[in-house]
Amino acid sequence: MDDHEVTVDTITNATKETITGDEAMPLALNASTILAAKGKKIVRFTVKHGNLADDATEDDLHKAIVGPSGKLRAPTLWSGSTLLVGYHPDMYAEALLD
């Protein structure tokens, strides 16, 4: 992050402060854009007025942001109104460095 002059406001240890899948959904729907890394792919969701746009379902979103443990996947971060879930270098470059 320092290499790209990105500042971090808050860091939370996900092993100590977990967010369950049920808690993650309303949190995610506060974003305007959600980017989730799923293996080598980046899954994109658009949220308008607290609802998923296009043909995306809440089940699709849940599968993208909640891991097998039933908790919000890590790392997760907010950049403005964009929520990034999981790690993919291209996703971070797009969201943070543009």
Protein backbone atom coordinates (compact mmCIF):
# COMPACT_ATOMS: atom_id res chain seq x y z
CA MET A 1 0.00 0.00 0.00
CA ASP A 2 2.83 2.38 0.81
CA ASP A 3 4.32 1.85 -2.65
CA HIS A 4 1.15 3.29 -4.17
CA GLU A 5 0.47 6.02 -1.61
CA VAL A 6 -2.72 4.35 -0.36
CA THR A 7 -3.64 5.26 3.21
CA VAL A 8 -5.40 2.90 5.57
CA ASP A 9 -7.89 4.31 8.06
CA THR A 10 -8.76 1.19 10.06
CA ILE A 11 -7.42 -2.35 10.23
CA THR A 12 -9.46 -5.08 11.88
CA ASN A 13 -8.15 -8.57 12.65
CA ALA A 14 -10.69 -10.90 11.00
CA THR A 15 -9.83 -13.75 13.36
CA LYS A 16 -10.73 -11.65 16.38
CA GLU A 17 -13.68 -9.66 14.99
CA THR A 18 -15.61 -11.92 12.65
CA ILE A 19 -18.56 -10.90 10.51
CA THR A 20 -21.07 -13.67 9.82
CA GLY A 21 -22.71 -14.17 6.45
CA ASP A 22 -25.99 -12.78 7.80
CA GLU A 23 -24.18 -9.63 8.97
CA ALA A 24 -22.19 -9.36 5.73
CA MET A 25 -25.17 -9.03 3.40
CA PRO A 26 -26.60 -5.72 4.72
CA LEU A 27 -23.07 -4.39 5.02
CA ALA A 28 -22.36 -5.22 1.37
CA LEU A 29 -25.63 -3.68 0.19
CA ASN A 30 -24.41 -0.32 1.54
CA ALA A 31 -21.82 -0.25 -1.25
CA SER A 32 -22.48 1.03 -4.76
CA THR A 33 -20.05 -1.48 -6.29
CA ILE A 34 -18.88 -4.82 -4.93
CA LEU A 35 -15.84 -6.58 -6.39
CA ALA A 36 -15.18 -10.12 -5.20
CA ALA A 37 -12.21 -12.28 -6.12
CA LYS A 38 -13.25 -15.84 -6.88
CA GLY A 39 -10.16 -17.80 -7.87
CA LYS A 40 -8.76 -16.18 -11.01
CA LYS A 41 -12.00 -14.30 -11.73
CA ILE A 42 -13.36 -11.01 -10.44
CA VAL A 43 -17.11 -10.97 -9.84
CA ARG A 44 -18.77 -7.54 -10.01
CA PHE A 45 -22.03 -6.44 -8.46
CA THR A 46 -23.77 -3.09 -8.77
CA VAL A 47 -26.00 -1.90 -5.95
CA LYS A 48 -28.66 0.77 -6.43
CA HIS A 49 -30.67 2.04 -3.47
CA GLY A 50 -29.69 -0.97 -1.36
CA ASN A 51 -30.71 -3.53 -3.99
CA LEU A 52 -28.63 -5.53 -6.44
CA ALA A 53 -28.89 -4.31 -10.01
CA ASP A 54 -28.99 -6.33 -13.21
CA ASP A 55 -29.78 -10.04 -12.86
CA ALA A 56 -27.69 -10.64 -9.72
CA THR A 57 -29.38 -12.28 -6.76
CA GLU A 58 -28.61 -12.05 -3.07
CA ASP A 59 -27.66 -15.74 -3.25
CA ASP A 60 -25.04 -14.86 -5.92
CA LEU A 61 -23.67 -12.11 -3.69
CA HIS A 62 -23.66 -14.35 -0.62
CA LYS A 63 -21.67 -17.03 -2.48
CA ALA A 64 -19.15 -14.41 -3.62
CA ILE A 65 -18.48 -12.72 -0.27
CA VAL A 66 -19.03 -15.42 2.35
CA GLY A 67 -16.50 -18.22 2.70
CA PRO A 68 -17.00 -21.89 3.62
CA SER A 69 -16.72 -20.96 7.30
CA GLY A 70 -19.92 -18.91 6.98
CA LYS A 71 -18.02 -15.67 7.61
CA LEU A 72 -17.18 -12.68 5.45
CA ARG A 73 -14.13 -13.55 3.36
CA ALA A 74 -10.85 -11.81 4.07
CA PRO A 75 -9.32 -9.55 3.11
CA THR A 76 -12.24 -7.19 2.81
CA LEU A 77 -11.88 -3.46 2.41
CA TRP A 78 -13.81 -0.34 1.57
CA SER A 79 -12.52 2.15 -0.95
CA GLY A 80 -15.02 4.98 -1.06
CA SER A 81 -18.34 3.32 -1.92
CA THR A 82 -16.67 0.21 -3.37
CA LEU A 83 -16.41 -2.98 -1.33
CA LEU A 84 -13.57 -5.36 -2.23
CA VAL A 85 -13.76 -8.94 -0.98
CA GLY A 86 -10.96 -11.46 -1.35
CA TYR A 87 -7.66 -10.83 -3.06
CA HIS A 88 -6.86 -10.46 -6.74
CA PRO A 89 -4.06 -8.05 -7.75
CA ASP A 90 -5.96 -6.77 -10.80
CA MET A 91 -9.01 -6.01 -8.65
CA TYR A 92 -6.94 -3.98 -6.21
CA ALA A 93 -5.14 -2.17 -9.03
CA GLU A 94 -8.45 -1.24 -10.65
CA ALA A 95 -10.16 -0.09 -7.47
CA LEU A 96 -7.30 1.57 -5.61
CA LEU A 97 -4.82 2.84 -8.13
CA ASP A 98 -6.99 4.37 -10.85
